[in-house]
PDB file of N, CA and C in Angstrom:
ATOM      1  N   MET A   1     -11.866   5.489 -65.568  1.00  0.00           N
ATOM      2  CA  MET A   1     -10.754   5.685 -65.143  1.00  0.00           C
ATOM      3  C   MET A   1     -10.732   6.633 -63.830  1.00  0.00           C
ATOM      4  N   ALA A   2     -11.798   7.574 -64.350  1.00  0.00           N
ATOM      5  CA  ALA A   2     -12.135   8.640 -63.155  1.00  0.00           C
ATOM      6  C   ALA A   2     -12.755   7.952 -61.860  1.00  0.00           C
ATOM      7  N   ALA A   3     -13.415   6.937 -62.181  1.00  0.00           N
ATOM      8  CA  ALA A   3     -13.879   6.283 -60.947  1.00  0.00           C
ATOM      9  C   ALA A   3     -12.834   5.417 -60.218  1.00  0.00           C
ATOM     10  N   LEU A   4     -11.814   4.700 -60.956  1.00  0.00           N
ATOM     11  CA  LEU A   4     -10.768   3.866 -60.323  1.00  0.00           C
ATOM     12  C   LEU A   4     -10.012   5.183 -59.470  1.00  0.00           C
ATOM     13  N   ALA A   5      -9.779   6.502 -59.858  1.00  0.00           N
ATOM     14  CA  ALA A   5      -9.159   7.519 -59.260  1.00  0.00           C
ATOM     15  C   ALA A   5      -9.845   7.596 -58.197  1.00  0.00           C
ATOM     16  N   GLY A   6     -11.166   7.923 -58.259  1.00  0.00           N
ATOM     17  CA  GLY A   6     -11.912   8.367 -57.056  1.00  0.00           C
ATOM     18  C   GLY A   6     -11.839   7.322 -55.896  1.00  0.00           C
ATOM     19  N   LEU A   7     -12.101   5.973 -56.262  1.00  0.00           N
ATOM     20  CA  LEU A   7     -11.895   4.895 -55.209  1.00  0.00           C
ATOM     21  C   LEU A   7     -10.729   5.013 -54.751  1.00  0.00           C
ATOM     22  N   THR A   8      -9.557   5.390 -55.430  1.00  0.00           N
ATOM     23  CA  THR A   8      -8.196   5.171 -54.718  1.00  0.00           C
ATOM     24  C   THR A   8      -7.953   6.360 -53.818  1.00  0.00           C
ATOM     25  N   LEU A   9      -8.347   7.590 -54.228  1.00  0.00           N
ATOM     26  CA  LEU A   9      -8.466   8.626 -53.121  1.00  0.00           C
ATOM     27  C   LEU A   9      -9.311   8.303 -51.981  1.00  0.00           C
ATOM     28  N   LEU A  10     -10.348   7.813 -52.421  1.00  0.00           N
ATOM     29  CA  LEU A  10     -11.260   7.328 -50.936  1.00  0.00           C
ATOM     30  C   LEU A  10     -10.687   6.215 -50.028  1.00  0.00           C
ATOM     31  N   PHE A  11     -10.067   5.306 -50.635  1.00  0.00           N
ATOM     32  CA  PHE A  11      -9.323   4.163 -49.759  1.00  0.00           C
ATOM     33  C   PHE A  11      -8.166   5.043 -48.970  1.00  0.00           C
ATOM     34  N   LEU A  12      -7.225   5.827 -49.754  1.00  0.00           N
ATOM     35  CA  LEU A  12      -6.028   6.416 -49.183  1.00  0.00           C
ATOM     36  C   LEU A  12      -6.740   7.375 -48.124  1.00  0.00           C
ATOM     37  N   GLY A  13      -7.687   8.095 -48.208  1.00  0.00           N
ATOM     38  CA  GLY A  13      -8.445   8.926 -47.276  1.00  0.00           C
ATOM     39  C   GLY A  13      -8.656   8.039 -46.028  1.00  0.00           C
ATOM     40  N   LEU A  14      -9.457   7.023 -46.045  1.00  0.00           N
ATOM     41  CA  LEU A  14      -9.823   6.322 -44.899  1.00  0.00           C
ATOM     42  C   LEU A  14      -8.655   5.626 -44.208  1.00  0.00           C
ATOM     43  N   ASN A  15      -7.462   5.249 -45.174  1.00  0.00           N
ATOM     44  CA  ASN A  15      -6.446   4.805 -44.585  1.00  0.00           C
ATOM     45  C   ASN A  15      -5.625   5.767 -43.663  1.00  0.00           C
ATOM     46  N   LEU A  16      -5.539   6.882 -44.314  1.00  0.00           N
ATOM     47  CA  LEU A  16      -4.825   8.089 -43.620  1.00  0.00           C
ATOM     48  C   LEU A  16      -5.669   8.265 -42.215  1.00  0.00           C
ATOM     49  N   ASN A  17      -7.068   8.407 -42.373  1.00  0.00           N
ATOM     50  CA  ASN A  17      -7.732   8.717 -41.272  1.00  0.00           C
ATOM     51  C   ASN A  17      -7.659   7.817 -40.010  1.00  0.00           C
ATOM     52  N   GLY A  18      -7.447   6.533 -40.308  1.00  0.00           N
ATOM     53  CA  GLY A  18      -7.208   5.508 -39.290  1.00  0.00           C
ATOM     54  C   GLY A  18      -5.952   5.580 -38.808  1.00  0.00           C
ATOM     55  N   ALA A  19      -4.672   6.144 -39.507  1.00  0.00           N
ATOM     56  CA  ALA A  19      -3.377   6.115 -39.405  1.00  0.00           C
ATOM     57  C   ALA A  19      -3.235   7.133 -38.273  1.00  0.00           C
ATOM     58  N   LEU A  20      -4.001   8.224 -38.620  1.00  0.00           N
ATOM     59  CA  LEU A  20      -3.973   9.526 -37.606  1.00  0.00           C
ATOM     60  C   LEU A  20      -4.504   9.059 -36.157  1.00  0.00           C
ATOM     61  N   GLY A  21      -5.484   8.479 -36.288  1.00  0.00           N
ATOM     62  CA  GLY A  21      -6.335   7.940 -34.997  1.00  0.00           C
ATOM     63  C   GLY A  21      -5.151   7.156 -34.228  1.00  0.00           C
ATOM     64  N   GLN A  22      -4.543   6.117 -35.134  1.00  0.00           N
ATOM     65  CA  GLN A  22      -3.591   5.214 -34.221  1.00  0.00           C
ATOM     66  C   GLN A  22      -2.204   6.118 -33.796  1.00  0.00           C
ATOM     67  N   LEU A  23      -2.053   7.043 -34.660  1.00  0.00           N
ATOM     68  CA  LEU A  23      -0.982   8.062 -34.150  1.00  0.00           C
ATOM     69  C   LEU A  23      -1.267   8.723 -32.923  1.00  0.00           C
ATOM     70  N   THR A  24      -2.474   9.198 -32.773  1.00  0.00           N
ATOM     71  CA  THR A  24      -2.876   9.963 -31.536  1.00  0.00           C
ATOM     72  C   THR A  24      -3.021   9.083 -30.434  1.00  0.00           C
ATOM     73  N   LYS A  25      -3.358   7.708 -30.600  1.00  0.00           N
ATOM     74  CA  LYS A  25      -3.317   6.960 -29.375  1.00  0.00           C
ATOM     75  C   LYS A  25      -1.993   6.638 -28.873  1.00  0.00           C
ATOM     76  N   LEU A  26      -0.938   6.436 -29.818  1.00  0.00           N
ATOM     77  CA  LEU A  26       0.376   6.092 -29.707  1.00  0.00           C
ATOM     78  C   LEU A  26       1.071   7.320 -28.847  1.00  0.00           C
ATOM     79  N   GLN A  27       0.658   8.545 -29.364  1.00  0.00           N
ATOM     80  CA  GLN A  27       1.251   9.691 -28.701  1.00  0.00           C
ATOM     81  C   GLN A  27       0.694   9.829 -27.160  1.00  0.00           C
ATOM     82  N   SER A  28      -0.598   9.384 -26.847  1.00  0.00           N
ATOM     83  CA  SER A  28      -1.243   9.490 -25.500  1.00  0.00           C
ATOM     84  C   SER A  28      -0.389   8.371 -24.665  1.00  0.00           C
ATOM     85  N   LYS A  29      -0.139   7.151 -25.302  1.00  0.00           N
ATOM     86  CA  LYS A  29       0.496   6.253 -24.628  1.00  0.00           C
ATOM     87  C   LYS A  29       2.076   6.582 -24.337  1.00  0.00           C
ATOM     88  N   GLU A  30       2.804   6.923 -25.260  1.00  0.00           N
ATOM     89  CA  GLU A  30       3.993   7.806 -25.074  1.00  0.00           C
ATOM     90  C   GLU A  30       4.196   8.694 -23.905  1.00  0.00           C
ATOM     91  N   GLN A  31       3.107   9.647 -23.820  1.00  0.00           N
ATOM     92  CA  GLN A  31       3.052  10.480 -22.729  1.00  0.00           C
ATOM     93  C   GLN A  31       2.897   9.691 -21.462  1.00  0.00           C
ATOM     94  N   ALA A  32       2.216   8.872 -21.497  1.00  0.00           N
ATOM     95  CA  ALA A  32       1.812   7.966 -19.958  1.00  0.00           C
ATOM     96  C   ALA A  32       3.130   7.286 -19.697  1.00  0.00           C
ATOM     97  N   LEU A  33       3.820   6.898 -20.632  1.00  0.00           N
ATOM     98  CA  LEU A  33       4.982   5.947 -20.473  1.00  0.00           C
ATOM     99  C   LEU A  33       6.202   7.044 -20.087  1.00  0.00           C
ATOM    100  N   ARG A  34       6.115   8.382 -20.290  1.00  0.00           N
ATOM    101  CA  ARG A  34       7.083   9.232 -19.936  1.00  0.00           C
ATOM    102  C   ARG A  34       7.020   9.534 -18.699  1.00  0.00           C
ATOM    103  N   ILE A  35       5.841   9.767 -18.491  1.00  0.00           N
ATOM    104  CA  ILE A  35       5.511  10.174 -16.922  1.00  0.00           C
ATOM    105  C   ILE A  35       5.722   9.001 -15.539  1.00  0.00           C
ATOM    106  N   GLU A  36       5.498   7.962 -16.315  1.00  0.00           N
ATOM    107  CA  GLU A  36       5.696   6.806 -15.550  1.00  0.00           C
ATOM    108  C   GLU A  36       7.466   6.428 -15.276  1.00  0.00           C
ATOM    109  N   THR A  37       7.968   6.795 -16.362  1.00  0.00           N
ATOM    110  CA  THR A  37       9.365   6.838 -16.521  1.00  0.00           C
ATOM    111  C   THR A  37      10.115   7.826 -15.584  1.00  0.00           C
ATOM    112  N   GLU A  38       9.461   8.988 -15.472  1.00  0.00           N
ATOM    113  CA  GLU A  38      10.107  10.043 -14.640  1.00  0.00           C
ATOM    114  C   GLU A  38       9.675   9.755 -12.981  1.00  0.00           C
ATOM    115  N   SER A  39       8.418   9.144 -12.870  1.00  0.00           N
ATOM    116  CA  SER A  39       8.301   8.743 -11.481  1.00  0.00           C
ATOM    117  C   SER A  39       9.017   7.640 -11.053  1.00  0.00           C
ATOM    118  N   LEU A  40       9.602   6.568 -11.829  1.00  0.00           N
ATOM    119  CA  LEU A  40      10.150   5.419 -11.535  1.00  0.00           C
ATOM    120  C   LEU A  40      11.825   6.095 -11.327  1.00  0.00           C
ATOM    121  N   THR A  41      12.214   6.905 -12.311  1.00  0.00           N
ATOM    122  CA  THR A  41      13.573   7.643 -12.096  1.00  0.00           C
ATOM    123  C   THR A  41      13.759   8.298 -10.574  1.00  0.00           C
ATOM    124  N   ARG A  42      12.595   8.973 -10.293  1.00  0.00           N
ATOM    125  CA  ARG A  42      12.669   9.473  -9.080  1.00  0.00           C
ATOM    126  C   ARG A  42      12.688   8.574  -7.978  1.00  0.00           C
ATOM    127  N   GLU A  43      11.973   7.308  -8.031  1.00  0.00           N
ATOM    128  CA  GLU A  43      12.189   6.295  -7.071  1.00  0.00           C
ATOM    129  C   GLU A  43      13.280   5.694  -7.034  1.00  0.00           C
ATOM    130  N   ILE A  44      14.048   5.382  -8.110  1.00  0.00           N
ATOM    131  CA  ILE A  44      15.447   4.756  -8.267  1.00  0.00           C
ATOM    132  C   ILE A  44      16.339   5.853  -7.274  1.00  0.00           C
ATOM    133  N   SER A  45      16.241   6.990  -7.795  1.00  0.00           N
ATOM    134  CA  SER A  45      17.095   7.917  -6.901  1.00  0.00           C
ATOM    135  C   SER A  45      17.017   7.805  -5.708  1.00  0.00           C
ATOM    136  N   ARG A  46      15.774   7.889  -4.947  1.00  0.00           N
ATOM    137  CA  ARG A  46      15.334   7.884  -3.811  1.00  0.00           C
ATOM    138  C   ARG A  46      15.999   6.528  -3.109  1.00  0.00           C
ATOM    139  N   LEU A  47      15.874   5.436  -3.667  1.00  0.00           N
ATOM    140  CA  LEU A  47      16.444   4.144  -3.232  1.00  0.00           C
ATOM    141  C   LEU A  47      17.868   4.151  -3.038  1.00  0.00           C
ATOM    142  N   LYS A  48      18.535   4.760  -3.921  1.00  0.00           N
ATOM    143  CA  LYS A  48      20.038   4.780  -4.268  1.00  0.00           C
ATOM    144  C   LYS A  48      20.613   5.573  -3.043  1.00  0.00           C
ATOM    145  N   LYS A  49      19.773   6.750  -2.426  1.00  0.00           N
ATOM    146  CA  LYS A  49      19.984   7.577  -1.455  1.00  0.00           C
ATOM    147  C   LYS A  49      20.063   6.810  -0.326  1.00  0.00           C
ATOM    148  N   GLU A  50      18.990   6.026  -0.255  1.00  0.00           N
ATOM    149  CA  GLU A  50      18.649   5.314   0.887  1.00  0.00           C
ATOM    150  C   GLU A  50      19.969   4.034   1.148  1.00  0.00           C
ATOM    151  N   ILE A  51      20.234   3.587   0.206  1.00  0.00           N
ATOM    152  CA  ILE A  51      21.203   2.513  -0.060  1.00  0.00           C
ATOM    153  C   ILE A  51      22.461   3.074   0.601  1.00  0.00           C
ATOM    154  N   GLN A  52      22.933   4.395  -0.109  1.00  0.00           N
ATOM    155  CA  GLN A  52      24.163   5.058   0.315  1.00  0.00           C
ATOM    156  C   GLN A  52      24.119   5.216   1.765  1.00  0.00           C
ATOM    157  N   GLN A  53      22.989   5.873   2.496  1.00  0.00           N
ATOM    158  CA  GLN A  53      22.991   6.234   3.644  1.00  0.00           C
ATOM    159  C   GLN A  53      23.008   4.941   4.528  1.00  0.00           C
ATOM    160  N   ILE A  54      22.504   3.849   4.282  1.00  0.00           N
ATOM    161  CA  ILE A  54      22.601   2.597   5.035  1.00  0.00           C
ATOM    162  C   ILE A  54      23.953   2.197   5.079  1.00  0.00           C
ATOM    163  N   ASN A  55      24.864   2.223   3.801  1.00  0.00           N
ATOM    164  CA  ASN A  55      26.300   1.714   3.711  1.00  0.00           C
ATOM    165  C   ASN A  55      27.082   2.708   4.726  1.00  0.00           C
ATOM    166  N   SER A  56      26.696   3.951   4.487  1.00  0.00           N
ATOM    167  CA  SER A  56      27.494   4.907   5.214  1.00  0.00           C
ATOM    168  C   SER A  56      27.356   5.083   6.656  1.00  0.00           C
ATOM    169  N   ASP A  57      26.187   4.726   7.035  1.00  0.00           N
ATOM    170  CA  ASP A  57      25.921   4.881   8.653  1.00  0.00           C
ATOM    171  C   ASP A  57      25.358   3.516   9.140  1.00  0.00           C
ATOM    172  N   PRO A  58      26.280   2.746  10.016  1.00  0.00           N
ATOM    173  CA  PRO A  58      25.832   1.434  10.533  1.00  0.00           C
ATOM    174  C   PRO A  58      24.638   1.605  11.420  1.00  0.00           C
ATOM    175  N   SER A  59      24.243   2.652  12.153  1.00  0.00           N
ATOM    176  CA  SER A  59      23.354   2.843  12.917  1.00  0.00           C
ATOM    177  C   SER A  59      22.017   2.877  12.071  1.00  0.00           C
ATOM    178  N   VAL A  60      21.979   3.344  11.065  1.00  0.00           N
ATOM    179  CA  VAL A  60      20.646   3.243  10.149  1.00  0.00           C
ATOM    180  C   VAL A  60      20.313   1.897   9.829  1.00  0.00           C
ATOM    181  N   TYR A  61      21.327   1.076   9.743  1.00  0.00           N
ATOM    182  CA  TYR A  61      21.064  -0.596   9.341  1.00  0.00           C
ATOM    183  C   TYR A  61      20.743  -0.921  10.624  1.00  0.00           C
ATOM    184  N   ALA A  62      21.230  -0.634  11.783  1.00  0.00           N
ATOM    185  CA  ALA A  62      20.990  -1.468  13.162  1.00  0.00           C
ATOM    186  C   ALA A  62      19.457  -1.111  13.555  1.00  0.00           C
ATOM    187  N   ASP A  63      19.227   0.330  13.222  1.00  0.00           N
ATOM    188  CA  ASP A  63      17.896   0.725  13.614  1.00  0.00           C
ATOM    189  C   ASP A  63      16.695   0.021  12.705  1.00  0.00           C
ATOM    190  N   ALA A  64      17.097  -0.230  11.222  1.00  0.00           N
ATOM    191  CA  ALA A  64      15.946  -0.975  10.487  1.00  0.00           C
ATOM    192  C   ALA A  64      15.795  -2.386  10.977  1.00  0.00           C
ATOM    193  N   ALA A  65      16.946  -2.933  11.458  1.00  0.00           N
ATOM    194  CA  ALA A  65      17.008  -4.447  11.793  1.00  0.00           C
ATOM    195  C   ALA A  65      15.954  -4.390  13.022  1.00  0.00           C
ATOM    196  N   ARG A  66      16.386  -3.536  14.120  1.00  0.00           N
ATOM    197  CA  ARG A  66      15.554  -3.726  15.288  1.00  0.00           C
ATOM    198  C   ARG A  66      14.175  -3.332  15.034  1.00  0.00           C
ATOM    199  N   ASN A  67      13.964  -2.211  14.252  1.00  0.00           N
ATOM    200  CA  ASN A  67      12.533  -1.793  14.200  1.00  0.00           C
ATOM    201  C   ASN A  67      11.708  -2.761  13.336  1.00  0.00           C
ATOM    202  N   ASP A  68      12.249  -3.277  12.120  1.00  0.00           N
ATOM    203  CA  ASP A  68      11.663  -4.084  11.274  1.00  0.00           C
ATOM    204  C   ASP A  68      11.578  -5.745  11.457  1.00  0.00           C
ATOM    205  N   TYR A  69      12.773  -6.165  12.256  1.00  0.00           N
ATOM    206  CA  TYR A  69      12.928  -7.336  12.520  1.00  0.00           C
ATOM    207  C   TYR A  69      13.040  -7.716  13.908  1.00  0.00           C
ATOM    208  N   LEU A  70      12.806  -7.014  14.781  1.00  0.00           N
ATOM    209  CA  LEU A  70      12.959  -7.188  16.195  1.00  0.00           C
ATOM    210  C   LEU A  70      14.382  -7.666  16.716  1.00  0.00           C
ATOM    211  N   TYR A  71      15.176  -7.309  16.015  1.00  0.00           N
ATOM    212  CA  TYR A  71      16.681  -7.784  16.470  1.00  0.00           C
ATOM    213  C   TYR A  71      16.995  -6.823  17.621  1.00  0.00           C
ATOM    214  N   LEU A  72      17.748  -7.479  18.816  1.00  0.00           N
ATOM    215  CA  LEU A  72      18.103  -6.813  19.933  1.00  0.00           C
ATOM    216  C   LEU A  72      19.546  -6.640  20.073  1.00  0.00           C
ATOM    217  N   LYS A  73      19.982  -5.696  20.748  1.00  0.00           N
ATOM    218  CA  LYS A  73      21.213  -5.346  21.232  1.00  0.00           C
ATOM    219  C   LYS A  73      21.674  -6.356  22.517  1.00  0.00           C
ATOM    220  N   PRO A  74      22.549  -6.662  22.704  1.00  0.00           N
ATOM    221  CA  PRO A  74      22.908  -7.906  23.564  1.00  0.00           C
ATOM    222  C   PRO A  74      22.346  -7.606  24.832  1.00  0.00           C
ATOM    223  N   ASP A  75      22.216  -6.433  25.396  1.00  0.00           N
ATOM    224  CA  ASP A  75      21.660  -5.797  26.664  1.00  0.00           C
ATOM    225  C   ASP A  75      20.143  -5.456  26.748  1.00  0.00           C
ATOM    226  N   GLU A  76      19.500  -5.751  25.602  1.00  0.00           N
ATOM    227  CA  GLU A  76      17.928  -5.405  25.606  1.00  0.00           C
ATOM    228  C   GLU A  76      17.094  -6.616  25.725  1.00  0.00           C
ATOM    229  N   THR A  77      15.859  -6.362  26.093  1.00  0.00           N
ATOM    230  CA  THR A  77      14.663  -7.286  26.321  1.00  0.00           C
ATOM    231  C   THR A  77      13.629  -6.764  25.547  1.00  0.00           C
ATOM    232  N   ILE A  78      12.805  -7.521  25.105  1.00  0.00           N
ATOM    233  CA  ILE A  78      11.678  -7.262  24.426  1.00  0.00           C
ATOM    234  C   ILE A  78      10.505  -7.444  25.569  1.00  0.00           C
ATOM    235  N   THR A  79       9.521  -6.531  25.709  1.00  0.00           N
ATOM    236  CA  THR A  79       8.661  -6.589  26.633  1.00  0.00           C
ATOM    237  C   THR A  79       7.137  -6.582  25.916  1.00  0.00           C
ATOM    238  N   VAL A  80       6.367  -7.583  25.841  1.00  0.00           N
ATOM    239  CA  VAL A  80       5.198  -7.660  24.860  1.00  0.00           C
ATOM    240  C   VAL A  80       3.997  -7.384  25.843  1.00  0.00           C
ATOM    241  N   VAL A  81       3.203  -6.351  25.756  1.00  0.00           N
ATOM    242  CA  VAL A  81       1.926  -5.842  26.306  1.00  0.00           C
ATOM    243  C   VAL A  81       0.840  -6.365  25.619  1.00  0.00           C
ATOM    244  N   VAL A  82       0.097  -7.106  26.478  1.00  0.00           N
ATOM    245  CA  VAL A  82      -1.246  -7.937  25.572  1.00  0.00           C
ATOM    246  C   VAL A  82      -2.525  -7.223  26.583  1.00  0.00           C
ATOM    247  N   ARG A  83      -3.222  -6.506  25.867  1.00  0.00           N
ATOM    248  CA  ARG A  83      -4.416  -5.931  26.528  1.00  0.00           C
ATOM    249  C   ARG A  83      -5.563  -6.857  26.541  1.00  0.00           C
ATOM    250  N   GLN A  84      -6.118  -7.041  27.418  1.00  0.00           N
ATOM    251  CA  GLN A  84      -7.414  -7.904  27.447  1.00  0.00           C
ATOM    252  C   GLN A  84      -8.682  -7.273  26.914  1.00  0.00           C
ATOM    253  N   ALA A  85      -9.577  -7.854  26.311  1.00  0.00           N
ATOM    254  CA  ALA A  85     -10.559  -7.185  25.761  1.00  0.00           C
ATOM    255  C   ALA A  85     -11.768  -7.036  26.733  1.00  0.00           C
ATOM    256  N   GLY A  86     -12.416  -6.091  26.964  1.00  0.00           N
ATOM    257  CA  GLY A  86     -13.526  -6.030  27.768  1.00  0.00           C
ATOM    258  C   GLY A  86     -14.589  -6.516  27.084  1.00  0.00           C
ATOM    259  N   PRO A  87     -15.899  -6.465  28.069  1.00  0.00           N
ATOM    260  CA  PRO A  87     -17.035  -7.175  27.438  1.00  0.00           C
ATOM    261  C   PRO A  87     -17.498  -6.211  26.232  1.00  0.00           C
ATOM    262  N   PRO A  88     -18.462  -6.674  25.231  1.00  0.00           N
ATOM    263  CA  PRO A  88     -18.803  -5.899  23.948  1.00  0.00           C
ATOM    264  C   PRO A  88     -19.474  -4.499  24.416  1.00  0.00           C
ATOM    265  N   ASP A  89     -20.056  -4.520  25.504  1.00  0.00           N
ATOM    266  CA  ASP A  89     -20.810  -3.158  25.828  1.00  0.00           C
ATOM    267  C   ASP A  89     -19.913  -2.079  26.345  1.00  0.00           C
ATOM    268  N   GLY A  90     -18.734  -2.557  26.470  1.00  0.00           N
ATOM    269  CA  GLY A  90     -17.585  -1.635  26.891  1.00  0.00           C
ATOM    270  C   GLY A  90     -17.644  -1.385  28.512  1.00  0.00           C
ATOM    271  N   ARG A  91     -18.324  -1.894  29.050  1.00  0.00           N
ATOM    272  CA  ARG A  91     -18.032  -2.030  30.481  1.00  0.00           C
ATOM    273  C   ARG A  91     -17.243  -2.783  31.047  1.00  0.00           C
ATOM    274  N   THR A  92     -16.801  -2.380  32.179  1.00  0.00           N
ATOM    275  CA  THR A  92     -15.683  -3.240  32.842  1.00  0.00           C
ATOM    276  C   THR A  92     -16.144  -4.233  34.095  1.00  0.00           C
ATOM    277  N   ALA A  93     -16.025  -5.082  34.478  1.00  0.00           N
ATOM    278  CA  ALA A  93     -16.510  -5.980  35.502  1.00  0.00           C
ATOM    279  C   ALA A  93     -16.594  -5.236  36.745  1.00  0.00           C
ATOM    280  N   GLY A  94     -17.724  -5.277  37.247  1.00  0.00           N
ATOM    281  CA  GLY A  94     -17.803  -4.462  38.595  1.00  0.00           C
ATOM    282  C   GLY A  94     -18.798  -3.285  38.569  1.00  0.00           C
ATOM    283  N   GLN A  95     -18.956  -2.633  37.280  1.00  0.00           N
ATOM    284  CA  GLN A  95     -19.936  -1.719  36.953  1.00  0.00           C
ATOM    285  C   GLN A  95     -21.202  -2.056  37.036  1.00  0.00           C
ATOM    286  N   PRO A  96     -21.894  -1.328  37.297  1.00  0.00           N
ATOM    287  CA  PRO A  96     -23.656  -1.379  37.594  1.00  0.00           C
ATOM    288  C   PRO A  96     -23.949  -1.786  36.215  1.00  0.00           C
ATOM    289  N   GLY A  97     -25.069  -2.667  36.102  1.00  0.00           N
ATOM    290  CA  GLY A  97     -25.452  -3.005  34.851  1.00  0.00           C
ATOM    291  C   GLY A  97     -24.745  -4.328  34.141  1.00  0.00           C
ATOM    292  N   ASN A  98     -23.634  -4.669  34.944  1.00  0.00           N
ATOM    293  CA  ASN A  98     -22.787  -5.780  34.005  1.00  0.00           C
ATOM    294  C   ASN A  98     -23.354  -6.997  34.922  1.00  0.00           C
ATOM    295  N   ARG A  99     -24.267  -7.981  34.209  1.00  0.00           N
ATOM    296  CA  ARG A  99     -24.836  -9.022  34.828  1.00  0.00           C
ATOM    297  C   ARG A  99     -23.752 -10.037  35.306  1.00  0.00           C
ATOM    298  N   ASN A 100     -22.614 -10.131  34.951  1.00  0.00           N
ATOM    299  CA  ASN A 100     -21.635 -11.144  35.191  1.00  0.00           C
ATOM    300  C   ASN A 100     -20.492 -10.513  36.201  1.00  0.00           C
ATOM    301  N   ALA A 101     -20.761  -9.252  36.695  1.00  0.00           N
ATOM    302  CA  ALA A 101     -20.033  -8.987  37.625  1.00  0.00           C
ATOM    303  C   ALA A 101     -19.934  -9.634  38.862  1.00  0.00           C
ATOM    304  N   GLY A 102     -18.689 -10.030  39.479  1.00  0.00           N
ATOM    305  CA  GLY A 102     -18.317 -11.001  40.480  1.00  0.00           C
ATOM    306  C   GLY A 102     -18.723 -12.278  40.279  1.00  0.00           C
ATOM    307  N   THR A 103     -18.984 -12.852  39.100  1.00  0.00           N
ATOM    308  CA  THR A 103     -19.323 -14.074  38.749  1.00  0.00           C
ATOM    309  C   THR A 103     -18.192 -14.711  38.039  1.00  0.00           C
ATOM    310  N   PRO A 104     -17.801 -16.097  38.089  1.00  0.00           N
ATOM    311  CA  PRO A 104     -16.887 -16.579  36.882  1.00  0.00           C
ATOM    312  C   PRO A 104     -17.155 -16.163  35.775  1.00  0.00           C
ATOM    313  N   GLU A 105     -16.301 -15.930  34.881  1.00  0.00           N
ATOM    314  CA  GLU A 105     -16.285 -15.316  33.512  1.00  0.00           C
ATOM    315  C   GLU A 105     -17.216 -16.290  32.949  1.00  0.00           C
ATOM    316  N   GLY A 106     -17.964 -15.468  32.047  1.00  0.00           N
ATOM    317  CA  GLY A 106     -19.021 -16.329  31.225  1.00  0.00           C
ATOM    318  C   GLY A 106     -20.280 -16.871  32.001  1.00  0.00           C
ATOM    319  N   SER A 107     -20.564 -16.960  33.435  1.00  0.00           N
ATOM    320  CA  SER A 107     -21.299 -17.738  34.004  1.00  0.00           C
ATOM    321  C   SER A 107     -22.644 -16.801  34.010  1.00  0.00           C
ATOM    322  N   ASP A 108     -23.685 -17.410  33.935  1.00  0.00           N
ATOM    323  CA  ASP A 108     -24.820 -16.889  34.282  1.00  0.00           C
ATOM    324  C   ASP A 108     -25.347 -16.821  35.437  1.00  0.00           C
ATOM    325  N   ALA A 109     -24.519 -17.525  36.275  1.00  0.00           N
ATOM    326  CA  ALA A 109     -25.262 -17.695  37.540  1.00  0.00           C
ATOM    327  C   ALA A 109     -25.340 -16.613  38.390  1.00  0.00           C
ATOM    328  N   PRO A 110     -26.489 -16.501  39.279  1.00  0.00           N
ATOM    329  CA  PRO A 110     -26.746 -15.339  40.098  1.00  0.00           C
ATOM    330  C   PRO A 110     -25.541 -15.239  41.180  1.00  0.00           C
ATOM    331  N   ARG A 111     -25.459 -13.786  41.512  1.00  0.00           N
ATOM    332  CA  ARG A 111     -24.602 -13.565  42.392  1.00  0.00           C
ATOM    333  C   ARG A 111     -24.839 -13.972  43.927  1.00  0.00           C
ATOM    334  N   ARG A 112     -23.878 -14.440  44.782  1.00  0.00           N
ATOM    335  CA  ARG A 112     -24.393 -14.541  46.061  1.00  0.00           C
ATOM    336  C   ARG A 112     -23.696 -13.340  47.107  1.00  0.00           C
ATOM    337  N   PRO A 113     -24.642 -13.197  47.757  1.00  0.00           N
ATOM    338  CA  PRO A 113     -24.602 -12.048  48.817  1.00  0.00           C
ATOM    339  C   PRO A 113     -23.269 -11.921  49.564  1.00  0.00           C
TER     340      PRO A 113
END
C-alpha cells in the first residue's frame, strides 16, 4: 500500500510540475498579447483621429488625393521631369577621357577633326 501511495505522489508531482511549466508559458503568452493589444488600441485611436480629421476638413482629403493618387485641380498641370542617365564612369559627353565624346551615342568610331 505504501508503494502505491508513493507512486501516486510521484505521478501527482510530475503532473504538477508539467502544469506549472504550462502555466508559465501561458502567462508569458498572455503578457505578449496584452502588449500587442495596447499597441493595436493606440493604432486604432490614431486612425480614428485621422478619419475624423479627414471628414471634418475637406482640404486634408483633397491633399491626400493629390499626393497619393495624382488628382489635379481644374487649373493644374502635372510636369514630369525625366533625368537622362550619364555614362557609367560618371563623366559627361565632352569631358576629357570620354572616348565617345562628339560621336554618335554608342559608336566606337574615331572622331573626325
